[in-house]
C-alpha atoms as a PDB file:
ATOM      1  CA  MET A   1      74.605  29.406 -79.324  1.00  0.00           C
ATOM      2  CA  SER A   2      74.522  31.142 -75.969  1.00  0.00           C
ATOM      3  CA  GLU A   3      71.505  31.685 -73.830  1.00  0.00           C
ATOM      4  CA  TYR A   4      71.584  35.366 -74.837  1.00  0.00           C
ATOM      5  CA  ASP A   5      70.039  34.307 -78.151  1.00  0.00           C
ATOM      6  CA  THR A   6      67.056  32.794 -76.302  1.00  0.00           C
ATOM      7  CA  LEU A   7      66.255  35.741 -73.959  1.00  0.00           C
ATOM      8  CA  GLY A   8      63.469  36.942 -76.152  1.00  0.00           C
ATOM      9  CA  LYS A   9      61.905  33.476 -76.146  1.00  0.00           C
ATOM     10  CA  LEU A  10      61.875  33.389 -72.298  1.00  0.00           C
ATOM     11  CA  ILE A  11      59.832  36.499 -71.909  1.00  0.00           C
ATOM     12  CA  GLY A  12      56.179  35.609 -71.371  1.00  0.00           C
ATOM     13  CA  LEU A  13      56.869  31.939 -70.526  1.00  0.00           C
ATOM     14  CA  PRO A  14      54.902  30.560 -67.597  1.00  0.00           C
ATOM     15  CA  ALA A  15      56.839  29.986 -64.438  1.00  0.00           C
ATOM     16  CA  LYS A  16      56.043  26.920 -62.434  1.00  0.00           C
ATOM     17  CA  ASP A  17      57.255  25.439 -59.180  1.00  0.00           C
ATOM     18  CA  TYR A  18      58.812  21.970 -58.807  1.00  0.00           C
ATOM     19  CA  PHE A  19      55.292  20.463 -58.298  1.00  0.00           C
ATOM     20  CA  GLY A  20      53.896  21.933 -61.471  1.00  0.00           C
ATOM     21  CA  ARG A  21      51.872  24.711 -59.889  1.00  0.00           C
ATOM     22  CA  ASP A  22      51.678  28.054 -61.607  1.00  0.00           C
ATOM     23  CA  VAL A  23      53.861  30.797 -60.041  1.00  0.00           C
ATOM     24  CA  GLY A  24      53.509  33.567 -62.652  1.00  0.00           C
ATOM     25  CA  LYS A  25      55.201  34.637 -65.884  1.00  0.00           C
ATOM     26  CA  VAL A  26      58.718  35.575 -66.886  1.00  0.00           C
ATOM     27  CA  ILE A  27      58.811  39.319 -67.518  1.00  0.00           C
ATOM     28  CA  CYS A  28      62.524  40.054 -67.685  1.00  0.00           C
ATOM     29  CA  CYS A  29      65.982  38.351 -67.966  1.00  0.00           C
ATOM     30  CA  SER A  30      69.517  39.526 -67.635  1.00  0.00           C
ATOM     31  CA  HIS A  31      72.804  38.024 -68.822  1.00  0.00           C
ATOM     32  CA  ASP A  32      76.410  38.091 -67.849  1.00  0.00           C
ATOM     33  CA  GLY A  33      79.498  39.030 -69.900  1.00  0.00           C
ATOM     34  CA  THR A  34      79.619  35.612 -71.540  1.00  0.00           C
ATOM     35  CA  GLY A  35      76.056  35.867 -72.891  1.00  0.00           C
ATOM     36  CA  GLU A  36      74.661  33.344 -70.383  1.00  0.00           C
ATOM     37  CA  VAL A  37      71.401  34.089 -68.500  1.00  0.00           C
ATOM     38  CA  SER A  38      72.264  35.134 -64.959  1.00  0.00           C
ATOM     39  CA  ARG A  39      68.891  36.134 -63.541  1.00  0.00           C
ATOM     40  CA  ILE A  40      65.177  35.616 -64.373  1.00  0.00           C
ATOM     41  CA  ILE A  41      62.433  37.929 -63.009  1.00  0.00           C
ATOM     42  CA  VAL A  42      58.945  36.484 -62.533  1.00  0.00           C
ATOM     43  CA  SER A  43      55.701  38.406 -62.104  1.00  0.00           C
ATOM     44  CA  ARG A  44      53.371  36.509 -59.700  1.00  0.00           C
ATOM     45  CA  SER A  45      49.663  36.270 -60.296  1.00  0.00           C
ATOM     46  CA  ASP A  46      49.122  38.420 -57.132  1.00  0.00           C
ATOM     47  CA  GLY A  47      51.178  41.284 -58.602  1.00  0.00           C
ATOM     48  CA  GLY A  48      54.333  40.576 -56.706  1.00  0.00           C
ATOM     49  CA  ILE A  49      57.718  40.131 -58.384  1.00  0.00           C
ATOM     50  CA  ASP A  50      60.338  37.431 -57.646  1.00  0.00           C
ATOM     51  CA  GLU A  51      63.918  37.300 -58.870  1.00  0.00           C
ATOM     52  CA  TYR A  52      65.719  33.966 -59.330  1.00  0.00           C
ATOM     53  CA  MET A  53      69.310  33.203 -60.128  1.00  0.00           C
ATOM     54  CA  ARG A  54      70.006  30.998 -63.187  1.00  0.00           C
ATOM     55  CA  ALA A  55      71.136  28.140 -61.003  1.00  0.00           C
ATOM     56  CA  ASP A  56      67.741  28.144 -59.235  1.00  0.00           C
ATOM     57  CA  VAL A  57      65.656  27.509 -62.340  1.00  0.00           C
ATOM     58  CA  GLU A  58      65.304  25.013 -65.104  1.00  0.00           C
ATOM     59  CA  VAL A  59      64.489  26.340 -68.582  1.00  0.00           C
ATOM     60  CA  SER A  60      62.596  24.521 -71.310  1.00  0.00           C
ATOM     61  CA  SER A  61      60.899  25.679 -74.452  1.00  0.00           C
ATOM     62  CA  SER A  62      57.494  25.787 -72.767  1.00  0.00           C
ATOM     63  CA  ALA A  63      58.099  26.924 -69.227  1.00  0.00           C
ATOM     64  CA  VAL A  64      60.580  27.978 -66.537  1.00  0.00           C
ATOM     65  CA  THR A  65      60.631  25.628 -63.540  1.00  0.00           C
ATOM     66  CA  ILE A  66      61.777  26.957 -60.193  1.00  0.00           C
ATOM     67  CA  LYS A  67      63.806  24.352 -58.372  1.00  0.00           C
ATOM     68  CA  ASP A  68      62.829  23.213 -54.942  1.00  0.00           C
ATOM     69  CA  LYS A  69      65.961  24.002 -52.918  1.00  0.00           C
ATOM     70  CA  LEU A  70      65.195  21.446 -50.163  1.00  0.00           C
ATOM     71  CA  ILE A  71      64.680  18.608 -52.539  1.00  0.00           C
ATOM     72  CA  PHE A  72      67.741  19.491 -54.684  1.00  0.00           C
ATOM     73  CA  ALA A  73      69.836  19.723 -51.531  1.00  0.00           C
ATOM     74  CA  ALA A  74      68.570  16.279 -50.393  1.00  0.00           C
ATOM     75  CA  ARG A  75      69.323  14.750 -53.783  1.00  0.00           C
ATOM     76  CA  ALA A  76      72.894  16.110 -53.692  1.00  0.00           C
ATOM     77  CA  LEU A  77      73.341  14.840 -50.182  1.00  0.00           C
ATOM     78  CA  ARG A  78      72.026  11.400 -51.056  1.00  0.00           C
ATOM     79  CA  LYS A  79      74.504  11.145 -53.908  1.00  0.00           C
ATOM     80  CA  GLU A  80      77.378  12.147 -51.602  1.00  0.00           C
ATOM     81  CA  ILE A  81      76.420   9.484 -49.083  1.00  0.00           C
ATOM     82  CA  GLU A  82      76.177   6.831 -51.853  1.00  0.00           C
ATOM     83  CA  ILE A  83      79.647   7.790 -53.111  1.00  0.00           C
ATOM     84  CA  ASN A  84      81.026   7.581 -49.584  1.00  0.00           C
ATOM     85  CA  SER A  85      79.518   4.074 -49.237  1.00  0.00           C
ATOM     86  CA  ARG A  86      81.022   2.871 -52.518  1.00  0.00           C
ATOM     87  CA  ARG A  87      84.419   4.228 -51.630  1.00  0.00           C
ATOM     88  CA  THR A  88      84.390   2.520 -48.273  1.00  0.00           C
ATOM     89  CA  GLN A  89      83.321  -0.784 -49.874  1.00  0.00           C
ATOM     90  CA  ALA A  90      86.177  -0.521 -52.418  1.00  0.00           C
ATOM     91  CA  LEU A  91      88.596   0.208 -49.592  1.00  0.00           C
ATOM     92  CA  GLU A  92      87.524  -2.863 -47.644  1.00  0.00           C
ATOM     93  CA  GLU A  93      87.724  -5.041 -50.764  1.00  0.00           C
ATOM     94  CA  LEU A  94      91.307  -3.883 -51.472  1.00  0.00           C
ATOM     95  CA  ARG A  95      92.232  -4.654 -47.913  1.00  0.00           C
ATOM     96  CA  ARG A  96      90.726  -8.121 -47.987  1.00  0.00           C
ATOM     97  CA  ASN A  97      92.743  -8.792 -51.151  1.00  0.00           C
ATOM     98  CA  SER A  98      95.964  -7.597 -49.409  1.00  0.00           C
ATOM     99  CA  LYS A  99      96.435  -4.898 -52.058  1.00  0.00           C
ATOM    100  CA  MET A 100      96.865  -2.007 -49.550  1.00  0.00           C
ATOM    101  CA  HIS A 101      99.365  -1.123 -46.863  1.00  0.00           C
ATOM    102  CA  GLN A 102      97.795  -1.229 -43.383  1.00  0.00           C
ATOM    103  CA  ARG A 103      98.709   2.346 -42.578  1.00  0.00           C
ATOM    104  CA  VAL A 104      97.292   3.611 -45.882  1.00  0.00           C
ATOM    105  CA  TYR A 105      94.149   1.649 -45.170  1.00  0.00           C
ATOM    106  CA  SER A 106      93.785   3.102 -41.719  1.00  0.00           C
ATOM    107  CA  GLU A 107      94.280   6.704 -42.879  1.00  0.00           C
ATOM    108  CA  LEU A 108      91.743   6.385 -45.693  1.00  0.00           C
ATOM    109  CA  LYS A 109      89.229   4.613 -43.481  1.00  0.00           C
ATOM    110  CA  ALA A 110      89.464   7.418 -40.951  1.00  0.00           C
ATOM    111  CA  GLU A 111      88.958  10.010 -43.711  1.00  0.00           C
ATOM    112  CA  PHE A 112      85.917   8.231 -45.016  1.00  0.00           C
ATOM    113  CA  GLU A 113      84.425   7.864 -41.552  1.00  0.00           C
ATOM    114  CA  ASN A 114      85.004  11.519 -40.784  1.00  0.00           C
ATOM    115  CA  GLU A 115      83.386  12.396 -44.083  1.00  0.00           C
ATOM    116  CA  LEU A 116      80.348  10.300 -43.192  1.00  0.00           C
ATOM    117  CA  VAL A 117      80.053  12.014 -39.811  1.00  0.00           C
ATOM    118  CA  ALA A 118      79.941  15.405 -41.585  1.00  0.00           C
ATOM    119  CA  LEU A 119      77.362  14.125 -44.097  1.00  0.00           C
ATOM    120  CA  ASN A 120      75.167  12.846 -41.232  1.00  0.00           C
ATOM    121  CA  GLU A 121      75.318  16.276 -39.616  1.00  0.00           C
ATOM    122  CA  LYS A 122      74.164  17.843 -42.855  1.00  0.00           C
ATOM    123  CA  LYS A 123      71.464  15.186 -43.168  1.00  0.00           C
ATOM    124  CA  ASN A 124      70.194  15.942 -39.717  1.00  0.00           C
ATOM    125  CA  SER A 125      69.928  19.640 -40.562  1.00  0.00           C
ATOM    126  CA  LEU A 126      67.977  18.854 -43.781  1.00  0.00           C
ATOM    127  CA  ARG A 127      65.752  16.495 -41.778  1.00  0.00           C
ATOM    128  CA  ASP A 128      64.696  19.287 -39.469  1.00  0.00           C
ATOM    129  CA  MET A 129      63.858  21.400 -42.513  1.00  0.00           C
ATOM    130  CA  ALA A 130      61.962  18.519 -44.093  1.00  0.00           C
ATOM    131  CA  ASP A 131      59.886  18.045 -40.896  1.00  0.00           C
ATOM    132  CA  VAL A 132      58.956  21.707 -40.951  1.00  0.00           C
ATOM    133  CA  ARG A 133      57.979  21.461 -44.602  1.00  0.00           C
ATOM    134  CA  ARG A 134      55.910  18.306 -44.105  1.00  0.00           C
ATOM    135  CA  ASN A 135      54.043  19.986 -41.187  1.00  0.00           C
ATOM    136  CA  GLU A 136      53.293  23.023 -43.366  1.00  0.00           C
ATOM    137  CA  VAL A 137      51.780  20.885 -46.125  1.00  0.00           C
ATOM    138  CA  ALA A 138      49.811  18.798 -43.551  1.00  0.00           C
ATOM    139  CA  LYS A 139      48.317  21.966 -42.118  1.00  0.00           C
ATOM    140  CA  LYS A 140      47.417  23.162 -45.588  1.00  0.00           C
ATOM    141  CA  LEU A 141      45.652  19.892 -46.364  1.00  0.00           C
ATOM    142  CA  MET A 142      43.729  20.088 -43.050  1.00  0.00           C
ATOM    143  CA  ALA A 143      42.671  23.649 -43.842  1.00  0.00           C
ATOM    144  CA  LEU A 144      41.455  22.598 -47.311  1.00  0.00           C
ATOM    145  CA  GLU A 145      39.499  19.710 -45.864  1.00  0.00           C
ATOM    146  CA  LYS A 146      37.820  22.173 -43.499  1.00  0.00           C
ATOM    147  CA  VAL A 147      36.930  24.412 -46.399  1.00  0.00           C
ATOM    148  CA  ARG A 148      35.443  21.491 -48.322  1.00  0.00           C
ATOM    149  CA  ALA A 149      33.341  20.569 -45.268  1.00  0.00           C
ATOM    150  CA  THR A 150      32.151  24.161 -44.873  1.00  0.00           C
ATOM    151  CA  VAL A 151      31.017  24.282 -48.602  1.00  0.00           C
ATOM    152  CA  GLU A 152      29.198  20.990 -48.218  1.00  0.00           C
ATOM    153  CA  VAL A 153      27.447  22.279 -45.087  1.00  0.00           C
ATOM    154  CA  GLN A 154      26.465  25.448 -46.921  1.00  0.00           C
ATOM    155  CA  ALA A 155      25.139  23.455 -49.819  1.00  0.00           C
ATOM    156  CA  MET A 156      23.060  21.139 -47.611  1.00  0.00           C
ATOM    157  CA  SER A 157      21.632  24.158 -45.639  1.00  0.00           C
ATOM    158  CA  GLY A 158      20.606  25.897 -48.817  1.00  0.00           C
ATOM    159  CA  GLU A 159      23.007  28.816 -48.478  1.00  0.00           C
ATOM    160  CA  ILE A 160      24.531  28.209 -51.954  1.00  0.00           C
ATOM    161  CA  ASP A 161      22.914  26.741 -55.025  1.00  0.00           C
ATOM    162  CA  GLU A 162      24.019  23.554 -56.848  1.00  0.00           C
ATOM    163  CA  ASN A 163      26.110  25.388 -59.520  1.00  0.00           C
ATOM    164  CA  ILE A 164      28.153  27.359 -57.037  1.00  0.00           C
ATOM    165  CA  TYR A 165      28.583  24.253 -54.889  1.00  0.00           C
ATOM    166  CA  ARG A 166      29.949  22.174 -57.777  1.00  0.00           C
ATOM    167  CA  LEU A 167      32.281  24.951 -58.898  1.00  0.00           C
ATOM    168  CA  ALA A 168      33.648  25.505 -55.411  1.00  0.00           C
ATOM    169  CA  LEU A 169      34.053  21.815 -54.793  1.00  0.00           C
ATOM    170  CA  SER A 170      36.014  21.415 -58.026  1.00  0.00           C
ATOM    171  CA  GLU A 171      38.457  24.152 -57.162  1.00  0.00           C
ATOM    172  CA  ILE A 172      38.895  22.781 -53.589  1.00  0.00           C
ATOM    173  CA  LYS A 173      39.480  19.255 -54.926  1.00  0.00           C
ATOM    174  CA  SER A 174      42.149  20.514 -57.346  1.00  0.00           C
ATOM    175  CA  ALA A 175      43.935  22.288 -54.460  1.00  0.00           C
ATOM    176  CA  ILE A 176      43.760  19.149 -52.310  1.00  0.00           C
ATOM    177  CA  ASP A 177      45.137  17.076 -55.161  1.00  0.00           C
ATOM    178  CA  ARG A 178      48.093  19.443 -55.605  1.00  0.00           C
ATOM    179  CA  SER A 179      48.901  19.493 -51.976  1.00  0.00           C
ATOM    180  CA  THR A 180      48.582  15.693 -51.708  1.00  0.00           C
ATOM    181  CA  LYS A 181      50.981  15.367 -54.662  1.00  0.00           C
ATOM    182  CA  GLU A 182      53.367  17.715 -52.919  1.00  0.00           C
ATOM    183  CA  MET A 183      53.279  15.618 -49.766  1.00  0.00           C
ATOM    184  CA  ASP A 184      53.835  12.348 -51.759  1.00  0.00           C
ATOM    185  CA  ASP A 185      56.776  13.930 -53.598  1.00  0.00           C
ATOM    186  CA  LEU A 186      58.321  15.185 -50.354  1.00  0.00           C
ATOM    187  CA  GLU A 187      58.049  11.706 -48.835  1.00  0.00           C
ATOM    188  CA  ARG A 188      59.602  10.123 -51.855  1.00  0.00           C
ATOM    189  CA  GLU A 189      62.482  12.569 -52.146  1.00  0.00           C
ATOM    190  CA  LEU A 190      63.145  13.028 -48.417  1.00  0.00           C
ATOM    191  CA  ASN A 191      62.448   9.704 -46.793  1.00  0.00           C
ATOM    192  CA  PHE A 192      66.114   8.743 -46.815  1.00  0.00           C
ATOM    193  CA  LEU A 193      66.735  11.570 -44.304  1.00  0.00           C
ATOM    194  CA  ASP A 194      65.021   9.429 -41.680  1.00  0.00           C
ATOM    195  CA  VAL A 195      67.648   6.692 -42.075  1.00  0.00           C
ATOM    196  CA  GLU A 196      70.897   6.891 -40.054  1.00  0.00           C
ATOM    197  CA  PHE A 197      74.027   5.748 -41.846  1.00  0.00           C
ATOM    198  CA  VAL A 198      76.747   4.552 -39.592  1.00  0.00           C
ATOM    199  CA  PRO A 199      80.085   2.770 -40.251  1.00  0.00           C
ATOM    200  CA  ARG A 200      80.011  -0.941 -39.715  1.00  0.00           C
ATOM    201  CA  LYS A 201      82.718  -2.057 -37.366  1.00  0.00           C
ATOM    202  CA  GLU A 202      84.863  -4.821 -38.826  1.00  0.00           C
ATOM    203  CA  PRO A 203      87.509  -6.663 -36.765  1.00  0.00           C
ATOM    204  CA  ASP A 204      91.095  -6.623 -37.959  1.00  0.00           C
ATOM    205  CA  LEU A 205      91.764  -9.333 -40.465  1.00  0.00           C
ATOM    206  CA  TYR A 206      95.177 -10.113 -38.953  1.00  0.00           C
ATOM    207  CA  MET A 207      95.563 -10.013 -35.162  1.00  0.00           C
ATOM    208  CA  GLU A 208      98.226 -11.176 -32.769  1.00  0.00           C
ATOM    209  CA  PRO A 209      97.128 -14.011 -30.405  1.00  0.00           C
ATOM    210  CA  THR A 210      95.580 -12.499 -27.299  1.00  0.00           C
ATOM    211  CA  SER A 211      95.937 -15.522 -25.065  1.00  0.00           C
ATOM    212  CA  TYR A 212      98.503 -18.238 -24.529  1.00  0.00           C
ATOM    213  CA  ARG A 213      98.320 -21.268 -22.305  1.00  0.00           C
ATOM    214  CA  PRO A 214     100.448 -24.466 -22.304  1.00  0.00           C
ATOM    215  CA  VAL A 215      98.805 -27.566 -23.606  1.00  0.00           C
ATOM    216  CA  GLN A 216      97.927 -29.838 -20.762  1.00  0.00           C
ATOM    217  CA  GLN A 217      97.658 -33.558 -21.643  1.00  0.00           C
ATOM    218  CA  THR A 218      94.555 -34.738 -19.794  1.00  0.00           C
ATOM    219  CA  SER A 219      93.661 -37.652 -22.040  1.00  0.00           C
ATOM    220  CA  PRO A 220      95.477 -39.914 -24.468  1.00  0.00           C
ATOM    221  CA  PRO A 221      96.230 -38.154 -27.714  1.00  0.00           C
ATOM    222  CA  GLN A 222      93.669 -38.716 -30.438  1.00  0.00           C
ATOM    223  CA  GLU A 223      94.774 -40.393 -33.661  1.00  0.00           C
ATOM    224  CA  GLU A 224      92.955 -37.731 -35.730  1.00  0.00           C
ATOM    225  CA  SER A 225      93.906 -34.047 -35.382  1.00  0.00           C
ATOM    226  CA  SER A 226      91.170 -31.674 -34.287  1.00  0.00           C
ATOM    227  CA  GLY A 227      92.749 -28.859 -36.364  1.00  0.00           C
ATOM    228  CA  ALA A 228      93.529 -26.659 -33.317  1.00  0.00           C
ATOM    229  CA  ILE A 229      96.852 -24.885 -33.121  1.00  0.00           C
ATOM    230  CA  PRO A 230      98.807 -26.019 -30.029  1.00  0.00           C
ATOM    231  CA  GLY A 231      99.493 -23.259 -27.511  1.00  0.00           C
ATOM    232  CA  PHE A 232      96.766 -20.946 -28.684  1.00  0.00           C
ATOM    233  CA  SER A 233      93.211 -20.357 -27.499  1.00  0.00           C
ATOM    234  CA  SER A 234      90.619 -21.550 -30.074  1.00  0.00           C
ATOM    235  CA  GLU A 235      88.831 -18.255 -29.391  1.00  0.00           C
ATOM    236  CA  THR A 236      91.673 -16.213 -30.893  1.00  0.00           C
ATOM    237  CA  PRO A 237      90.189 -14.249 -33.872  1.00  0.00           C
ATOM    238  CA  MET A 238      91.877 -15.247 -37.124  1.00  0.00           C
ATOM    239  CA  GLY A 239      89.799 -13.372 -39.662  1.00  0.00           C
ATOM    240  CA  ALA A 240      86.693 -11.346 -40.394  1.00  0.00           C
ATOM    241  CA  PRO A 241      83.211 -12.988 -40.090  1.00  0.00           C
ATOM    242  CA  ASP A 242      81.715 -14.138 -43.363  1.00  0.00           C
ATOM    243  CA  SER A 243      78.626 -12.165 -42.543  1.00  0.00           C
ATOM    244  CA  MET A 244      80.374  -8.901 -43.123  1.00  0.00           C
ATOM    245  CA  SER A 245      79.132  -7.834 -46.520  1.00  0.00           C
ATOM    246  CA  GLY A 246      79.607  -4.079 -46.557  1.00  0.00           C
ATOM    247  CA  PRO A 247      80.920  -1.051 -44.737  1.00  0.00           C
ATOM    248  CA  LEU A 248      77.637   0.497 -43.733  1.00  0.00           C
ATOM    249  CA  HIS A 249      74.425  -0.524 -42.129  1.00  0.00           C
ATOM    250  CA  VAL A 250      71.312   1.603 -41.661  1.00  0.00           C
ATOM    251  CA  ARG A 251      69.229   2.135 -38.627  1.00  0.00           C
ATOM    252  CA  ARG A 252      65.766   3.828 -38.635  1.00  0.00           C
ATOM    253  CA  VAL A 253      65.705   6.975 -36.513  1.00  0.00           C
END
């Protein structure tokens, strides 16, 4: 059954934002040639009208929820970064097991690192948008706190009676709770934007000796071998450190 069959059921449904706040009601829908809903028009409580593309909303039997574009963009980006990390880890594992040609490894590693650079650029852009959004919500909370203080002063000075005071305080508290929840949700969804993802540099597993010096006999040879390779510096790297456990590390910005 296509969404065309549900158009009549959408009309009149409440429209809410991502945080559950009322936006208005659905007053009209349109569909494309395949019968799928393409646009939804919402009448706001202040009399204005907003139009949303189908991809920007989630539809249920009880409400139409308008997606938060910043949060959904951050979720998609986080998934891309996680996939990039898993691919890089798999690449390093294949290399350690000698299951990949060195040239193929180098080319794929360069591709994944370039991809991570692009993802970090996108992340920095979203972080700037997130900072603006957080500041807006913080200013809203401060304004609401000022209104609450004003109402309390008016009640104490006798300008408003007890009933009006309680009604106003209840509405203000509800608004503060909604804005506080919005701030908490933003922090939960966007906090990864404050983390910088950078490739971890791993030394080559197989390297040519970088130094050579003749063995000079300065003392009688020991009966037990020390395990050193004659003619090579003991500082010559022969393999990757055991502490290398993954391709990425994070650094707080």
